[in-house]
Amino acid sequence: MISENMVNALNKQIEMEAYASFLYLSMASWANTQGLEGCYQFLLSQSDEERMHMLKIFEYINEVDGHALTPAISQPPQKFTDIVEIFNDVYQHEKKVTAAIANLVKLSNEEMDFTTLNFLQWYVEEQREEETTMRGILDKLKLIGDAPNKLYFIDKELEAVNKAKAAAEDAANAQ
C-alpha cells in the first residue's frame, strides 16, 4: 500500500510535469512566431512528452489505491529573448525535474516502497536522456555561435532531431 506521504510527493511531481508541458508549449508558440518551424515542432513534441509523463504518474497513483490530483498550474513565461535563452531554461528545468525524481527515489527507498521505486526507474532513465538531449542542443548552439544564420542552423538541427525521433517511434510501434 502506498503511503500518504508518497502520494503527496507524487502529486507534486504531477504538478511539475504539467508545468513543464505548459512551459514547453509556451516556448513552442514563441518559436512559431519567430518562423522557427523545427524548434516549434521540437518544443511541441517535448510538451506532449511532459504531459505523458504527468499522466503516467497520475495513473500510477490511482492504480496503487492513492488519489491523483489535477494540479493548478502557474502561468509560464510567454516572451523570450532568443532561442539560446529558451534552451538554457529548458535545460535548467530538466535538471530540476531530475532532482525531484531523485528525491522521489530516495523517499521510496526510505519508505521501503519497492513498487514505487520500480515505477520510478523509468523516470530516472528518461531524465538522463532529457538532460543529454538538451545539453546537446546547447552544445550545438555554442558551436554555431553568433553566426548570422544561427537561427536557420539550429532550426534545421532540430528538424533532424524531430525526424530521427519520429523514425524511432515508428520503429518501436512496428514491433
N, C-alpha and C. Protein backbone atom coordinates (compact mmCIF):
# COMPACT_ATOMS: atom_id res chain seq x y z
N MET A 1 0.84 -1.18 0.00
CA MET A 1 0.00 0.00 0.00
C MET A 1 0.89 1.25 0.00
N ILE A 2 0.51 2.20 -0.78
CA ILE A 2 1.28 3.43 -0.90
C ILE A 2 0.94 4.37 0.25
N SER A 3 1.96 5.04 0.77
CA SER A 3 1.74 5.94 1.90
C SER A 3 1.17 7.28 1.41
N GLU A 4 0.53 7.97 2.33
CA GLU A 4 0.01 9.31 2.02
C GLU A 4 1.16 10.25 1.69
N ASN A 5 2.27 10.09 2.37
CA ASN A 5 3.46 10.89 2.11
C ASN A 5 3.93 10.71 0.66
N MET A 6 3.96 9.46 0.20
CA MET A 6 4.40 9.19 -1.17
C MET A 6 3.38 9.72 -2.18
N VAL A 7 2.11 9.56 -1.90
CA VAL A 7 1.07 10.09 -2.79
C VAL A 7 1.23 11.60 -2.92
N ASN A 8 1.45 12.28 -1.80
CA ASN A 8 1.62 13.74 -1.85
C ASN A 8 2.84 14.12 -2.68
N ALA A 9 3.93 13.39 -2.50
CA ALA A 9 5.16 13.68 -3.26
C ALA A 9 4.94 13.43 -4.75
N LEU A 10 4.26 12.35 -5.09
CA LEU A 10 3.98 12.06 -6.50
C LEU A 10 3.02 13.09 -7.10
N ASN A 11 2.05 13.55 -6.31
CA ASN A 11 1.16 14.60 -6.81
C ASN A 11 1.93 15.90 -7.09
N LYS A 12 2.94 16.18 -6.28
CA LYS A 12 3.79 17.36 -6.56
C LYS A 12 4.56 17.16 -7.86
N GLN A 13 4.96 15.92 -8.12
CA GLN A 13 5.66 15.64 -9.37
C GLN A 13 4.72 15.80 -10.56
N ILE A 14 3.47 15.42 -10.39
CA ILE A 14 2.46 15.64 -11.44
C ILE A 14 2.41 17.12 -11.78
N GLU A 15 2.40 17.95 -10.76
CA GLU A 15 2.36 19.40 -10.97
C GLU A 15 3.60 19.88 -11.73
N MET A 16 4.76 19.35 -11.37
CA MET A 16 5.99 19.75 -12.04
C MET A 16 5.98 19.33 -13.52
N GLU A 17 5.50 18.14 -13.79
CA GLU A 17 5.43 17.65 -15.17
C GLU A 17 4.41 18.47 -15.98
N ALA A 18 3.29 18.80 -15.36
CA ALA A 18 2.27 19.60 -16.04
C ALA A 18 2.81 20.99 -16.36
N TYR A 19 3.51 21.58 -15.39
CA TYR A 19 4.10 22.90 -15.65
C TYR A 19 5.09 22.82 -16.81
N ALA A 20 5.91 21.79 -16.83
CA ALA A 20 6.87 21.63 -17.92
C ALA A 20 6.15 21.54 -19.26
N SER A 21 5.05 20.82 -19.30
CA SER A 21 4.28 20.71 -20.53
C SER A 21 3.81 22.08 -21.02
N PHE A 22 3.29 22.89 -20.11
CA PHE A 22 2.82 24.22 -20.49
C PHE A 22 3.97 25.18 -20.79
N LEU A 23 5.07 25.03 -20.08
CA LEU A 23 6.25 25.86 -20.36
C LEU A 23 6.74 25.60 -21.78
N TYR A 24 6.87 24.32 -22.14
CA TYR A 24 7.36 23.99 -23.48
C TYR A 24 6.35 24.37 -24.55
N LEU A 25 5.08 24.31 -24.22
CA LEU A 25 4.05 24.75 -25.16
C LEU A 25 4.16 26.25 -25.39
N SER A 26 4.39 27.01 -24.34
CA SER A 26 4.59 28.45 -24.47
C SER A 26 5.82 28.75 -25.32
N MET A 27 6.90 28.01 -25.07
CA MET A 27 8.12 28.19 -25.85
C MET A 27 7.89 27.83 -27.31
N ALA A 28 7.11 26.77 -27.54
CA ALA A 28 6.80 26.37 -28.92
C ALA A 28 6.05 27.48 -29.65
N SER A 29 5.11 28.09 -28.96
CA SER A 29 4.35 29.18 -29.57
C SER A 29 5.27 30.34 -29.94
N TRP A 30 6.18 30.68 -29.04
CA TRP A 30 7.15 31.75 -29.32
C TRP A 30 7.98 31.39 -30.55
N ALA A 31 8.49 30.16 -30.60
CA ALA A 31 9.31 29.73 -31.74
C ALA A 31 8.52 29.82 -33.03
N ASN A 32 7.24 29.48 -32.97
CA ASN A 32 6.39 29.56 -34.15
C ASN A 32 6.26 31.01 -34.63
N THR A 33 6.14 31.95 -33.70
CA THR A 33 6.02 33.37 -34.10
C THR A 33 7.31 33.90 -34.70
N GLN A 34 8.42 33.19 -34.45
CA GLN A 34 9.71 33.60 -35.00
C GLN A 34 10.02 32.89 -36.32
N GLY A 35 9.11 32.05 -36.79
CA GLY A 35 9.32 31.32 -38.03
C GLY A 35 10.26 30.13 -37.88
N LEU A 36 10.43 29.65 -36.67
CA LEU A 36 11.34 28.54 -36.39
C LEU A 36 10.54 27.23 -36.32
N GLU A 37 10.21 26.70 -37.47
CA GLU A 37 9.35 25.52 -37.56
C GLU A 37 9.96 24.30 -36.88
N GLY A 38 11.26 24.07 -37.07
CA GLY A 38 11.92 22.93 -36.43
C GLY A 38 11.90 23.05 -34.92
N CYS A 39 12.19 24.25 -34.42
CA CYS A 39 12.15 24.49 -32.96
C CYS A 39 10.72 24.34 -32.44
N TYR A 40 9.78 24.88 -33.21
CA TYR A 40 8.37 24.78 -32.83
C TYR A 40 7.95 23.33 -32.68
N GLN A 41 8.23 22.51 -33.69
CA GLN A 41 7.84 21.10 -33.65
C GLN A 41 8.55 20.35 -32.52
N PHE A 42 9.83 20.66 -32.30
CA PHE A 42 10.58 20.01 -31.23
C PHE A 42 9.97 20.34 -29.87
N LEU A 43 9.71 21.61 -29.62
CA LEU A 43 9.16 22.02 -28.33
C LEU A 43 7.72 21.54 -28.14
N LEU A 44 6.97 21.49 -29.21
CA LEU A 44 5.61 20.96 -29.16
C LEU A 44 5.65 19.47 -28.77
N SER A 45 6.58 18.75 -29.36
CA SER A 45 6.76 17.33 -29.04
C SER A 45 7.19 17.17 -27.58
N GLN A 46 8.08 18.03 -27.11
CA GLN A 46 8.52 17.98 -25.71
C GLN A 46 7.35 18.25 -24.77
N SER A 47 6.48 19.17 -25.16
CA SER A 47 5.30 19.47 -24.36
C SER A 47 4.41 18.23 -24.25
N ASP A 48 4.19 17.56 -25.37
CA ASP A 48 3.39 16.33 -25.37
C ASP A 48 4.03 15.26 -24.48
N GLU A 49 5.35 15.16 -24.55
CA GLU A 49 6.07 14.16 -23.76
C GLU A 49 5.91 14.43 -22.26
N GLU A 50 6.01 15.69 -21.88
CA GLU A 50 5.86 16.04 -20.46
C GLU A 50 4.44 15.74 -19.98
N ARG A 51 3.47 15.96 -20.83
CA ARG A 51 2.09 15.62 -20.47
C ARG A 51 1.95 14.12 -20.27
N MET A 52 2.59 13.34 -21.13
CA MET A 52 2.56 11.89 -20.99
C MET A 52 3.23 11.48 -19.67
N HIS A 53 4.34 12.14 -19.30
CA HIS A 53 5.00 11.85 -18.03
C HIS A 53 4.03 12.10 -16.87
N MET A 54 3.32 13.21 -16.95
CA MET A 54 2.36 13.56 -15.92
C MET A 54 1.27 12.50 -15.81
N LEU A 55 0.74 12.09 -16.95
CA LEU A 55 -0.35 11.12 -16.95
C LEU A 55 0.09 9.75 -16.44
N LYS A 56 1.33 9.37 -16.71
CA LYS A 56 1.83 8.08 -16.20
C LYS A 56 1.81 8.08 -14.66
N ILE A 57 2.25 9.19 -14.08
CA ILE A 57 2.25 9.29 -12.61
C ILE A 57 0.81 9.33 -12.10
N PHE A 58 -0.02 10.09 -12.76
CA PHE A 58 -1.43 10.21 -12.39
C PHE A 58 -2.08 8.82 -12.34
N GLU A 59 -1.88 8.06 -13.41
CA GLU A 59 -2.46 6.72 -13.50
C GLU A 59 -1.86 5.78 -12.45
N TYR A 60 -0.56 5.90 -12.22
CA TYR A 60 0.10 5.05 -11.23
C TYR A 60 -0.49 5.28 -9.84
N ILE A 61 -0.64 6.52 -9.46
CA ILE A 61 -1.18 6.83 -8.13
C ILE A 61 -2.55 6.17 -7.96
N ASN A 62 -3.42 6.33 -8.94
CA ASN A 62 -4.75 5.74 -8.84
C ASN A 62 -4.69 4.21 -8.85
N GLU A 63 -3.77 3.67 -9.62
CA GLU A 63 -3.62 2.21 -9.72
C GLU A 63 -3.22 1.58 -8.39
N VAL A 64 -2.42 2.30 -7.59
CA VAL A 64 -1.95 1.75 -6.31
C VAL A 64 -2.82 2.23 -5.14
N ASP A 65 -4.04 2.63 -5.45
CA ASP A 65 -5.03 3.00 -4.44
C ASP A 65 -4.76 4.32 -3.75
N GLY A 66 -4.08 5.21 -4.47
CA GLY A 66 -3.91 6.57 -3.98
C GLY A 66 -4.96 7.46 -4.64
N HIS A 67 -4.82 8.75 -4.49
CA HIS A 67 -5.72 9.70 -5.13
C HIS A 67 -4.89 10.74 -5.87
N ALA A 68 -4.83 10.58 -7.19
CA ALA A 68 -4.10 11.54 -8.02
C ALA A 68 -4.91 12.83 -8.11
N LEU A 69 -4.21 13.95 -8.04
CA LEU A 69 -4.87 15.25 -8.08
C LEU A 69 -4.52 15.99 -9.36
N THR A 70 -5.51 16.68 -9.88
CA THR A 70 -5.28 17.54 -11.03
C THR A 70 -4.62 18.82 -10.51
N PRO A 71 -3.42 19.13 -11.01
CA PRO A 71 -2.69 20.25 -10.43
C PRO A 71 -3.15 21.61 -10.94
N ALA A 72 -2.96 22.61 -10.10
CA ALA A 72 -3.08 24.00 -10.53
C ALA A 72 -1.72 24.36 -11.14
N ILE A 73 -1.75 25.00 -12.27
CA ILE A 73 -0.50 25.29 -12.98
C ILE A 73 -0.27 26.80 -12.99
N SER A 74 0.92 27.20 -12.61
CA SER A 74 1.32 28.61 -12.71
C SER A 74 1.49 28.97 -14.18
N GLN A 75 1.20 30.21 -14.49
CA GLN A 75 1.35 30.69 -15.87
C GLN A 75 2.84 30.69 -16.24
N PRO A 76 3.24 29.98 -17.28
CA PRO A 76 4.65 30.04 -17.69
C PRO A 76 4.93 31.35 -18.41
N PRO A 77 6.20 31.69 -18.55
CA PRO A 77 6.53 32.90 -19.31
C PRO A 77 5.99 32.81 -20.74
N GLN A 78 5.69 33.95 -21.31
CA GLN A 78 5.15 33.99 -22.67
C GLN A 78 6.11 34.63 -23.67
N LYS A 79 7.07 35.36 -23.15
CA LYS A 79 8.02 36.07 -24.02
C LYS A 79 9.43 35.62 -23.70
N PHE A 80 10.22 35.49 -24.74
CA PHE A 80 11.60 35.06 -24.61
C PHE A 80 12.46 35.95 -25.50
N THR A 81 13.72 36.11 -25.12
CA THR A 81 14.59 36.98 -25.91
C THR A 81 15.17 36.28 -27.12
N ASP A 82 15.52 34.99 -26.96
CA ASP A 82 16.08 34.25 -28.09
C ASP A 82 16.06 32.76 -27.82
N ILE A 83 16.46 32.00 -28.81
CA ILE A 83 16.41 30.55 -28.72
C ILE A 83 17.42 30.01 -27.70
N VAL A 84 18.53 30.69 -27.52
CA VAL A 84 19.51 30.26 -26.52
C VAL A 84 18.89 30.35 -25.13
N GLU A 85 18.19 31.44 -24.85
CA GLU A 85 17.51 31.58 -23.55
C GLU A 85 16.53 30.43 -23.35
N ILE A 86 15.79 30.11 -24.39
CA ILE A 86 14.80 29.04 -24.28
C ILE A 86 15.48 27.72 -23.90
N PHE A 87 16.53 27.35 -24.62
CA PHE A 87 17.13 26.05 -24.34
C PHE A 87 17.94 26.04 -23.04
N ASN A 88 18.44 27.18 -22.63
CA ASN A 88 19.03 27.26 -21.29
C ASN A 88 17.96 27.03 -20.23
N ASP A 89 16.80 27.66 -20.42
CA ASP A 89 15.69 27.49 -19.47
C ASP A 89 15.21 26.03 -19.45
N VAL A 90 15.10 25.42 -20.63
CA VAL A 90 14.67 24.03 -20.71
C VAL A 90 15.66 23.14 -19.96
N TYR A 91 16.94 23.35 -20.20
CA TYR A 91 17.96 22.53 -19.55
C TYR A 91 17.90 22.69 -18.03
N GLN A 92 17.77 23.92 -17.56
CA GLN A 92 17.67 24.15 -16.12
C GLN A 92 16.42 23.48 -15.53
N HIS A 93 15.32 23.56 -16.27
CA HIS A 93 14.09 22.94 -15.78
C HIS A 93 14.26 21.41 -15.72
N GLU A 94 14.88 20.84 -16.74
CA GLU A 94 15.09 19.38 -16.74
C GLU A 94 15.98 18.96 -15.57
N LYS A 95 16.95 19.78 -15.22
CA LYS A 95 17.79 19.47 -14.06
C LYS A 95 16.96 19.50 -12.77
N LYS A 96 16.01 20.42 -12.67
CA LYS A 96 15.12 20.46 -11.50
C LYS A 96 14.25 19.20 -11.43
N VAL A 97 13.77 18.78 -12.59
CA VAL A 97 12.94 17.57 -12.64
C VAL A 97 13.78 16.36 -12.22
N THR A 98 15.01 16.29 -12.70
CA THR A 98 15.90 15.19 -12.33
C THR A 98 16.10 15.14 -10.82
N ALA A 99 16.31 16.30 -10.21
CA ALA A 99 16.49 16.36 -8.75
C ALA A 99 15.21 15.92 -8.04
N ALA A 100 14.06 16.31 -8.57
CA ALA A 100 12.79 15.92 -7.95
C ALA A 100 12.58 14.40 -8.06
N ILE A 101 12.94 13.82 -9.19
CA ILE A 101 12.83 12.37 -9.35
C ILE A 101 13.78 11.67 -8.37
N ALA A 102 14.98 12.20 -8.22
CA ALA A 102 15.94 11.63 -7.27
C ALA A 102 15.36 11.65 -5.85
N ASN A 103 14.68 12.73 -5.50
CA ASN A 103 14.05 12.81 -4.17
C ASN A 103 12.93 11.79 -4.01
N LEU A 104 12.19 11.54 -5.08
CA LEU A 104 11.15 10.52 -5.03
C LEU A 104 11.76 9.13 -4.85
N VAL A 105 12.86 8.88 -5.56
CA VAL A 105 13.56 7.60 -5.42
C VAL A 105 14.05 7.43 -3.98
N LYS A 106 14.62 8.49 -3.43
CA LYS A 106 15.11 8.45 -2.05
C LYS A 106 13.95 8.16 -1.09
N LEU A 107 12.83 8.86 -1.27
CA LEU A 107 11.67 8.65 -0.41
C LEU A 107 11.15 7.22 -0.53
N SER A 108 11.08 6.70 -1.74
CA SER A 108 10.57 5.33 -1.91
C SER A 108 11.51 4.32 -1.24
N ASN A 109 12.82 4.60 -1.28
CA ASN A 109 13.78 3.74 -0.56
C ASN A 109 13.56 3.82 0.94
N GLU A 110 13.44 5.04 1.45
CA GLU A 110 13.25 5.25 2.88
C GLU A 110 11.99 4.56 3.39
N GLU A 111 10.94 4.60 2.58
CA GLU A 111 9.67 4.00 2.98
C GLU A 111 9.58 2.52 2.61
N MET A 112 10.63 2.02 2.00
CA MET A 112 10.65 0.63 1.53
C MET A 112 9.45 0.36 0.61
N ASP A 113 9.14 1.33 -0.20
CA ASP A 113 8.05 1.24 -1.19
C ASP A 113 8.69 0.80 -2.51
N PHE A 114 8.91 -0.49 -2.65
CA PHE A 114 9.65 -1.01 -3.79
C PHE A 114 8.83 -0.99 -5.08
N THR A 115 7.53 -0.97 -4.96
CA THR A 115 6.68 -0.85 -6.14
C THR A 115 6.88 0.53 -6.78
N THR A 116 6.86 1.56 -5.95
CA THR A 116 7.08 2.91 -6.47
C THR A 116 8.52 3.07 -6.94
N LEU A 117 9.44 2.50 -6.22
CA LEU A 117 10.85 2.55 -6.64
C LEU A 117 11.01 1.95 -8.03
N ASN A 118 10.39 0.82 -8.25
CA ASN A 118 10.44 0.19 -9.57
C ASN A 118 9.80 1.08 -10.63
N PHE A 119 8.66 1.65 -10.31
CA PHE A 119 7.96 2.55 -11.23
C PHE A 119 8.84 3.74 -11.62
N LEU A 120 9.56 4.27 -10.65
CA LEU A 120 10.38 5.48 -10.88
C LEU A 120 11.62 5.23 -11.72
N GLN A 121 12.03 3.98 -11.87
CA GLN A 121 13.24 3.70 -12.65
C GLN A 121 13.12 4.19 -14.09
N TRP A 122 11.93 4.11 -14.64
CA TRP A 122 11.72 4.62 -16.00
C TRP A 122 12.02 6.12 -16.05
N TYR A 123 11.59 6.85 -15.03
CA TYR A 123 11.82 8.29 -14.97
C TYR A 123 13.30 8.63 -14.79
N VAL A 124 14.01 7.81 -14.05
CA VAL A 124 15.44 8.03 -13.86
C VAL A 124 16.14 7.99 -15.22
N GLU A 125 15.84 6.97 -16.00
CA GLU A 125 16.44 6.83 -17.33
C GLU A 125 15.97 7.94 -18.27
N GLU A 126 14.69 8.25 -18.22
CA GLU A 126 14.12 9.30 -19.07
C GLU A 126 14.79 10.64 -18.80
N GLN A 127 15.04 10.97 -17.55
CA GLN A 127 15.68 12.24 -17.22
C GLN A 127 17.12 12.30 -17.71
N ARG A 128 17.81 11.17 -17.66
CA ARG A 128 19.17 11.14 -18.21
C ARG A 128 19.11 11.48 -19.69
N GLU A 129 18.17 10.89 -20.40
CA GLU A 129 18.01 11.16 -21.84
C GLU A 129 17.63 12.62 -22.08
N GLU A 130 16.71 13.15 -21.29
CA GLU A 130 16.27 14.54 -21.47
C GLU A 130 17.43 15.51 -21.28
N GLU A 131 18.19 15.32 -20.21
CA GLU A 131 19.32 16.23 -19.96
C GLU A 131 20.37 16.11 -21.06
N THR A 132 20.63 14.90 -21.52
CA THR A 132 21.60 14.70 -22.59
C THR A 132 21.15 15.41 -23.86
N THR A 133 19.89 15.28 -24.19
CA THR A 133 19.35 15.94 -25.39
C THR A 133 19.49 17.45 -25.29
N MET A 134 19.08 18.01 -24.17
CA MET A 134 19.12 19.47 -24.02
C MET A 134 20.56 19.99 -23.98
N ARG A 135 21.43 19.26 -23.33
CA ARG A 135 22.85 19.65 -23.31
C ARG A 135 23.42 19.61 -24.73
N GLY A 136 23.01 18.61 -25.52
CA GLY A 136 23.46 18.51 -26.90
C GLY A 136 22.99 19.69 -27.75
N ILE A 137 21.77 20.12 -27.53
CA ILE A 137 21.26 21.29 -28.26
C ILE A 137 22.04 22.54 -27.86
N LEU A 138 22.29 22.70 -26.58
CA LEU A 138 23.07 23.86 -26.13
C LEU A 138 24.49 23.81 -26.69
N ASP A 139 25.07 22.63 -26.77
CA ASP A 139 26.41 22.49 -27.36
C ASP A 139 26.40 22.92 -28.83
N LYS A 140 25.36 22.53 -29.55
CA LYS A 140 25.24 22.92 -30.96
C LYS A 140 25.07 24.44 -31.07
N LEU A 141 24.29 25.02 -30.19
CA LEU A 141 24.12 26.48 -30.21
C LEU A 141 25.46 27.18 -29.96
N LYS A 142 26.28 26.63 -29.07
CA LYS A 142 27.61 27.21 -28.83
C LYS A 142 28.48 27.08 -30.06
N LEU A 143 28.42 25.94 -30.72
CA LEU A 143 29.21 25.74 -31.94
C LEU A 143 28.81 26.72 -33.04
N ILE A 144 27.52 26.91 -33.16
CA ILE A 144 27.01 27.83 -34.19
C ILE A 144 27.41 29.26 -33.84
N GLY A 145 27.43 29.58 -32.56
CA GLY A 145 27.84 30.91 -32.11
C GLY A 145 26.87 31.99 -32.57
N ASP A 146 27.41 33.13 -32.88
CA ASP A 146 26.58 34.26 -33.29
C ASP A 146 26.57 34.45 -34.80
N ALA A 147 26.73 33.37 -35.52
CA ALA A 147 26.70 33.45 -36.98
C ALA A 147 25.36 34.05 -37.42
N PRO A 148 25.38 34.79 -38.52
CA PRO A 148 24.14 35.39 -38.99
C PRO A 148 23.04 34.35 -39.27
N ASN A 149 23.45 33.14 -39.60
CA ASN A 149 22.49 32.09 -39.93
C ASN A 149 22.17 31.21 -38.73
N LYS A 150 22.50 31.65 -37.53
CA LYS A 150 22.36 30.84 -36.32
C LYS A 150 20.96 30.24 -36.20
N LEU A 151 19.94 31.02 -36.35
CA LEU A 151 18.58 30.52 -36.18
C LEU A 151 18.23 29.48 -37.24
N TYR A 152 18.69 29.73 -38.45
CA TYR A 152 18.44 28.77 -39.53
C TYR A 152 19.09 27.43 -39.20
N PHE A 153 20.35 27.48 -38.78
CA PHE A 153 21.08 26.24 -38.50
C PHE A 153 20.47 25.45 -37.34
N ILE A 154 20.14 26.12 -36.27
CA ILE A 154 19.57 25.39 -35.13
C ILE A 154 18.19 24.86 -35.48
N ASP A 155 17.44 25.62 -36.28
CA ASP A 155 16.13 25.15 -36.70
C ASP A 155 16.27 23.88 -37.53
N LYS A 156 17.24 23.85 -38.42
CA LYS A 156 17.49 22.65 -39.24
C LYS A 156 17.96 21.48 -38.37
N GLU A 157 18.79 21.76 -37.38
CA GLU A 157 19.25 20.70 -36.46
C GLU A 157 18.06 20.07 -35.75
N LEU A 158 17.15 20.90 -35.28
CA LEU A 158 16.00 20.38 -34.55
C LEU A 158 15.01 19.68 -35.48
N GLU A 159 14.94 20.10 -36.73
CA GLU A 159 14.14 19.35 -37.71
C GLU A 159 14.69 17.93 -37.83
N ALA A 160 16.02 17.81 -37.88
CA ALA A 160 16.66 16.49 -37.97
C ALA A 160 16.37 15.66 -36.72
N VAL A 161 16.42 16.30 -35.55
CA VAL A 161 16.10 15.60 -34.30
C VAL A 161 14.65 15.12 -34.33
N ASN A 162 13.75 15.97 -34.81
CA ASN A 162 12.33 15.60 -34.90
C ASN A 162 12.14 14.39 -35.80
N LYS A 163 12.81 14.37 -36.95
CA LYS A 163 12.69 13.26 -37.89
C LYS A 163 13.26 11.98 -37.30
N ALA A 164 14.39 12.08 -36.62
CA ALA A 164 15.01 10.89 -36.01
C ALA A 164 14.10 10.34 -34.91
N LYS A 165 13.52 11.23 -34.13
CA LYS A 165 12.63 10.81 -33.05
C LYS A 165 11.39 10.12 -33.63
N ALA A 166 10.83 10.69 -34.68
CA ALA A 166 9.64 10.11 -35.31
C ALA A 166 9.97 8.73 -35.89
N ALA A 167 11.14 8.58 -36.51
CA ALA A 167 11.54 7.29 -37.06
C ALA A 167 11.71 6.26 -35.95
N ALA A 168 12.31 6.67 -34.84
CA ALA A 168 12.49 5.75 -33.71
C ALA A 168 11.15 5.32 -33.14
N GLU A 169 10.20 6.26 -33.03
CA GLU A 169 8.87 5.94 -32.52
C GLU A 169 8.14 4.99 -33.47
N ASP A 170 8.28 5.25 -34.78
CA ASP A 170 7.65 4.37 -35.77
C ASP A 170 8.21 2.95 -35.68
N ALA A 171 9.53 2.86 -35.51
CA ALA A 171 10.18 1.54 -35.40
C ALA A 171 9.71 0.82 -34.13
N ALA A 172 9.59 1.57 -33.02
CA ALA A 172 9.15 0.97 -31.76
C ALA A 172 7.69 0.51 -31.87
N ASN A 173 6.87 1.29 -32.54
CA ASN A 173 5.46 0.93 -32.70
C ASN A 173 5.27 -0.26 -33.64
N ALA A 174 6.20 -0.45 -34.58
CA ALA A 174 6.11 -1.55 -35.54
C ALA A 174 6.42 -2.90 -34.89
N GLN A 175 7.08 -2.86 -33.75
CA GLN A 175 7.47 -4.12 -33.08
C GLN A 175 6.35 -4.72 -32.35
